[in-house]
Amino acid sequence: MTIDRAPQSSKSAWRASRRIENEYAQKLRGVARAVDVIVSGFDAGNPAQIPAIEGALTRYSGTIGGWAESVARRMVLEVEAHDKRRWMQVSRKMGRALRHEIANAPTGEVMRARMAEQVRLITSLPSEAAQRVHDLTIEGITQGTRASEIAKKIMEAGDVTASRANMIARTEVSRTATLLTQARAEYVGSDGYIWRTSGDSDVRPSHKAMNGKFVRWSELPELDGMVGHAGALPNCRCYPEPVIPDD
């Protein structure tokens, strides 16, 4: 049997995921705003201040570890709770033994790995901004770019970081949901899932071609040069509909 064939159920589940994604993105954009404040506090057109900008951004990255852990934990726990609710909703169609297995599936390892990865990504936002400042400066020196042009690009650090924050939120919430679904599905004997897209015009052609196809959990599909299950690829809004064994 498969899960969530009803269109309305799928739409409701998608809205819940978007809520978590939006809240997570909002938190991460706070880091982007801080990056903007840091960079704006210096004269980016003065080459002598570039090391100070890099240093300030690097130090900031080192101070947000505890906050990043808190934000990561909340996101992962919310996604886990959403995934568990969804499984419980469809468990009415299953036998008691299978419902018990779903409720007690070992998702702890997946959650710990997801939290650790989120902390790494969050703290990388200001350090990536520092690296970008460094790279722009070197580029300006080697290519003879005017200092004013380099300064303009450096001052865009906040916007660049915000875009990166949005992409992280979109990718990681979906990826976490997919990995938790996979953990529960495999625990109850699922061999694979039906690939489902979000069903709108933004779906990439390669992902649209996967819609409705059966994919084994043990065989990661390759799309556009990237490997991963539905929902686990960068900026992917697809999701896996598990195929689970009948009692």
Protein backbone atom coordinates (compact mmCIF):
# COMPACT_ATOMS: atom_id res chain seq x y z
CA MET A 1 0.00 0.00 0.00
CA THR A 2 1.08 3.61 -0.48
CA ILE A 3 0.65 6.59 1.78
CA ASP A 4 -1.28 9.80 1.22
CA ARG A 5 -2.99 9.15 -2.08
CA ALA A 6 -5.65 11.72 -1.26
CA PRO A 7 -4.76 15.07 -2.87
CA GLN A 8 -6.11 17.14 0.02
CA SER A 9 -4.04 15.19 2.54
CA SER A 10 -0.91 15.80 0.49
CA LYS A 11 -1.68 19.51 0.22
CA SER A 12 -2.19 19.81 3.98
CA ALA A 13 1.11 18.06 4.63
CA TRP A 14 2.85 20.39 2.18
CA ARG A 15 1.50 23.52 3.89
CA ALA A 16 2.82 22.30 7.21
CA SER A 17 6.27 21.79 5.71
CA ARG A 18 6.22 25.27 4.22
CA ARG A 19 5.41 26.74 7.62
CA ILE A 20 8.45 25.05 9.15
CA GLU A 21 10.58 26.13 6.19
CA ASN A 22 9.45 29.76 6.46
CA GLU A 23 10.15 29.89 10.18
CA TYR A 24 13.58 28.34 9.72
CA ALA A 25 14.42 30.72 6.86
CA GLN A 26 13.39 33.67 9.01
CA LYS A 27 15.83 32.59 11.72
CA LEU A 28 18.66 32.12 9.24
CA ARG A 29 18.03 35.48 7.59
CA GLY A 30 18.76 36.97 11.00
CA VAL A 31 22.35 35.84 10.47
CA ALA A 32 22.33 37.57 7.08
CA ARG A 33 21.16 40.81 8.70
CA ALA A 34 23.97 40.57 11.24
CA VAL A 35 26.46 40.04 8.40
CA ASP A 36 25.11 43.17 6.73
CA VAL A 37 25.51 45.18 9.94
CA ILE A 38 29.09 43.97 10.38
CA VAL A 39 30.14 44.79 6.82
CA SER A 40 28.37 48.17 6.92
CA GLY A 41 30.46 49.13 9.94
CA PHE A 42 33.61 49.28 7.82
CA ASP A 43 34.81 51.25 4.82
CA ALA A 44 34.77 48.50 2.21
CA GLY A 45 36.47 50.83 -0.24
CA ASN A 46 39.56 50.99 1.95
CA PRO A 47 41.78 47.94 1.24
CA ALA A 48 43.40 48.35 4.65
CA GLN A 49 40.08 47.50 6.33
CA ILE A 50 39.45 44.27 4.44
CA PRO A 51 41.31 42.06 6.97
CA ALA A 52 39.23 43.64 9.75
CA ILE A 53 35.99 42.82 7.90
CA GLU A 54 37.10 39.23 7.39
CA GLY A 55 38.12 38.95 11.03
CA ALA A 56 34.84 40.37 12.32
CA LEU A 57 32.79 37.96 10.22
CA THR A 58 34.93 34.99 11.26
CA ARG A 59 34.60 35.91 14.94
CA TYR A 60 30.84 36.24 14.56
CA SER A 61 30.70 32.75 13.09
CA GLY A 62 32.43 31.46 16.20
CA THR A 63 29.95 33.09 18.58
CA ILE A 64 26.68 31.69 17.21
CA GLY A 65 27.26 27.99 17.81
CA GLY A 66 24.94 27.76 20.82
CA TRP A 67 22.19 29.71 19.09
CA ALA A 68 22.62 27.59 15.96
CA GLU A 69 22.17 24.42 18.02
CA SER A 70 18.92 25.76 19.47
CA VAL A 71 17.54 26.78 16.06
CA ALA A 72 18.61 23.48 14.49
CA ARG A 73 17.06 21.44 17.29
CA ARG A 74 13.73 23.23 16.96
CA MET A 75 13.57 22.74 13.20
CA VAL A 76 14.45 19.04 13.34
CA LEU A 77 12.03 18.35 16.19
CA GLU A 78 9.20 20.12 14.36
CA VAL A 79 9.86 18.19 11.16
CA GLU A 80 10.03 14.94 13.15
CA ALA A 81 6.73 15.70 14.89
CA HIS A 82 5.09 16.53 11.55
CA ASP A 83 6.38 13.32 10.00
CA LYS A 84 5.19 11.25 12.94
CA ARG A 85 1.71 12.84 12.83
CA ARG A 86 1.44 12.04 9.16
CA TRP A 87 2.34 8.41 9.77
CA MET A 88 -0.13 8.19 12.63
CA GLN A 89 -2.88 9.59 10.42
CA VAL A 90 -2.47 6.78 7.90
CA SER A 91 -1.82 4.11 10.54
CA ARG A 92 -5.58 3.59 10.85
CA LYS A 93 -5.30 1.57 7.65
CA MET A 94 -2.63 -0.65 9.17
CA GLY A 95 -2.57 -3.48 11.67
CA ARG A 96 -1.80 -2.86 15.34
CA ALA A 97 1.67 -4.42 15.12
CA LEU A 98 2.68 -2.16 12.24
CA ARG A 99 1.34 0.93 14.02
CA HIS A 100 3.47 0.02 17.04
CA GLU A 101 6.58 -0.33 14.86
CA ILE A 102 5.99 3.07 13.26
CA ALA A 103 5.55 4.74 16.65
CA ASN A 104 8.81 3.22 17.88
CA ALA A 105 10.98 3.56 14.78
CA PRO A 106 14.61 4.47 15.63
CA THR A 107 14.82 8.01 14.25
CA GLY A 108 17.29 9.31 16.84
CA GLU A 109 20.40 8.76 14.73
CA VAL A 110 18.88 10.60 11.77
CA MET A 111 17.82 13.49 14.00
CA ARG A 112 21.26 13.82 15.59
CA ALA A 113 22.95 13.83 12.20
CA ARG A 114 20.48 16.40 10.87
CA MET A 115 21.02 18.70 13.87
CA ALA A 116 24.80 18.53 13.49
CA GLU A 117 24.57 19.35 9.80
CA GLN A 118 22.29 22.34 10.47
CA VAL A 119 24.75 23.78 13.00
CA ARG A 120 27.53 23.44 10.44
CA LEU A 121 25.47 25.17 7.76
CA ILE A 122 24.27 27.99 10.00
CA THR A 123 27.72 28.84 11.33
CA SER A 124 29.09 28.67 7.79
CA LEU A 125 26.96 31.65 6.69
CA PRO A 126 29.23 34.38 8.16
CA SER A 127 32.42 32.44 7.42
CA GLU A 128 31.34 32.08 3.79
CA ALA A 129 30.71 35.83 3.72
CA ALA A 130 34.25 36.37 5.04
CA GLN A 131 35.65 34.10 2.34
CA ARG A 132 33.68 36.00 -0.30
CA VAL A 133 35.16 39.31 0.91
CA HIS A 134 38.63 37.77 0.67
CA ASP A 135 38.00 36.35 -2.81
CA LEU A 136 36.59 39.65 -4.09
CA THR A 137 39.64 41.50 -2.79
CA ILE A 138 42.07 39.07 -4.46
CA GLU A 139 40.03 39.26 -7.66
CA GLY A 140 40.23 43.04 -7.58
CA ILE A 141 43.99 42.98 -7.15
CA THR A 142 44.68 40.39 -9.85
CA GLN A 143 42.23 41.79 -12.39
CA GLY A 144 42.79 45.46 -11.68
CA THR A 145 39.13 46.09 -10.80
CA ARG A 146 38.36 49.52 -9.43
CA ALA A 147 38.20 49.71 -5.64
CA SER A 148 34.71 51.24 -5.81
CA GLU A 149 33.42 48.24 -7.76
CA ILE A 150 34.92 45.78 -5.29
CA ALA A 151 33.48 47.78 -2.39
CA LYS A 152 30.02 47.65 -3.99
CA LYS A 153 30.19 43.86 -4.25
CA ILE A 154 31.45 43.53 -0.69
CA MET A 155 28.54 45.63 0.57
CA GLU A 156 26.15 43.11 -1.02
CA ALA A 157 27.29 40.51 1.53
CA GLY A 158 24.01 40.70 3.46
CA ASP A 159 21.87 40.05 0.39
CA VAL A 160 24.09 37.20 -0.79
CA THR A 161 23.96 35.62 2.66
CA ALA A 162 20.16 36.02 2.80
CA SER A 163 19.80 34.16 -0.50
CA ARG A 164 22.03 31.41 0.83
CA ALA A 165 19.97 31.27 4.04
CA ASN A 166 16.73 30.83 2.08
CA MET A 167 18.23 28.02 0.02
CA ILE A 168 19.49 26.24 3.14
CA ALA A 169 16.05 26.44 4.76
CA ARG A 170 14.24 25.21 1.66
CA THR A 171 16.65 22.33 1.09
CA GLU A 172 17.26 21.21 4.66
CA VAL A 173 13.65 21.13 5.89
CA SER A 174 12.68 19.00 2.90
CA ARG A 175 15.78 16.81 3.21
CA THR A 176 15.15 16.23 6.91
CA ALA A 177 11.54 15.23 6.20
CA THR A 178 12.66 12.78 3.52
CA LEU A 179 15.32 11.17 5.72
CA LEU A 180 12.91 10.75 8.63
CA THR A 181 10.25 9.28 6.35
CA GLN A 182 12.86 6.89 4.95
CA ALA A 183 13.96 5.82 8.45
CA ARG A 184 10.40 4.98 9.49
CA ALA A 185 9.51 3.37 6.18
CA GLU A 186 12.54 1.09 6.09
CA TYR A 187 11.98 0.11 9.72
CA VAL A 188 8.56 -1.31 8.85
CA GLY A 189 9.88 -3.16 5.81
CA SER A 190 9.37 -0.63 3.00
CA ASP A 191 11.57 -1.26 -0.04
CA GLY A 192 10.86 2.07 -1.68
CA TYR A 193 8.48 4.90 -2.48
CA ILE A 194 6.52 6.67 -5.19
CA TRP A 195 8.15 9.94 -6.25
CA ARG A 196 5.69 12.84 -5.96
CA THR A 197 6.21 16.43 -7.10
CA SER A 198 4.59 19.59 -5.77
CA GLY A 199 2.59 19.66 -9.01
CA ASP A 200 3.21 23.27 -10.03
CA SER A 201 5.00 25.05 -12.88
CA ASP A 202 8.23 25.43 -10.90
CA VAL A 203 8.94 21.68 -10.92
CA ARG A 204 12.15 20.96 -12.83
CA PRO A 205 11.73 18.81 -15.97
CA SER A 206 13.91 16.02 -14.57
CA HIS A 207 11.83 15.92 -11.39
CA LYS A 208 8.56 16.08 -13.33
CA ALA A 209 9.70 13.02 -15.28
CA MET A 210 10.13 11.15 -11.97
CA ASN A 211 6.58 11.85 -10.78
CA GLY A 212 4.68 8.63 -10.11
CA LYS A 213 7.72 6.38 -10.47
CA PHE A 214 8.71 3.77 -7.90
CA VAL A 215 12.17 4.31 -6.40
CA ARG A 216 13.98 1.90 -4.11
CA TRP A 217 15.38 3.39 -0.91
CA SER A 218 18.60 1.49 -1.60
CA GLU A 219 19.04 3.03 -5.06
CA LEU A 220 19.64 6.77 -5.05
CA PRO A 221 18.45 8.28 -8.35
CA GLU A 222 20.65 10.75 -10.24
CA LEU A 223 19.01 13.89 -11.62
CA ASP A 224 20.82 16.79 -13.29
CA GLY A 225 24.16 15.49 -12.08
CA MET A 226 23.00 15.26 -8.44
CA VAL A 227 22.17 12.14 -6.45
CA GLY A 228 19.37 11.90 -3.91
CA HIS A 229 15.84 10.82 -3.10
CA ALA A 230 12.72 12.94 -3.59
CA GLY A 231 12.94 16.01 -1.37
CA ALA A 232 16.60 15.46 -0.51
CA LEU A 233 18.11 17.32 -3.47
CA PRO A 234 18.97 21.05 -3.37
CA ASN A 235 15.85 23.23 -3.74
CA CYS A 236 13.72 20.12 -4.31
CA ARG A 237 10.07 20.38 -3.22
CA CYS A 238 9.17 16.82 -4.16
CA TYR A 239 8.42 14.20 -1.53
CA PRO A 240 8.47 10.41 -1.17
CA GLU A 241 5.18 8.53 -0.79
CA PRO A 242 6.29 5.32 0.96
CA VAL A 243 5.16 1.93 -0.27
CA ILE A 244 4.76 -0.21 2.83
CA PRO A 245 4.03 -3.91 3.22
CA ASP A 246 0.50 -5.08 3.96
CA ASP A 247 0.00 -6.95 7.19
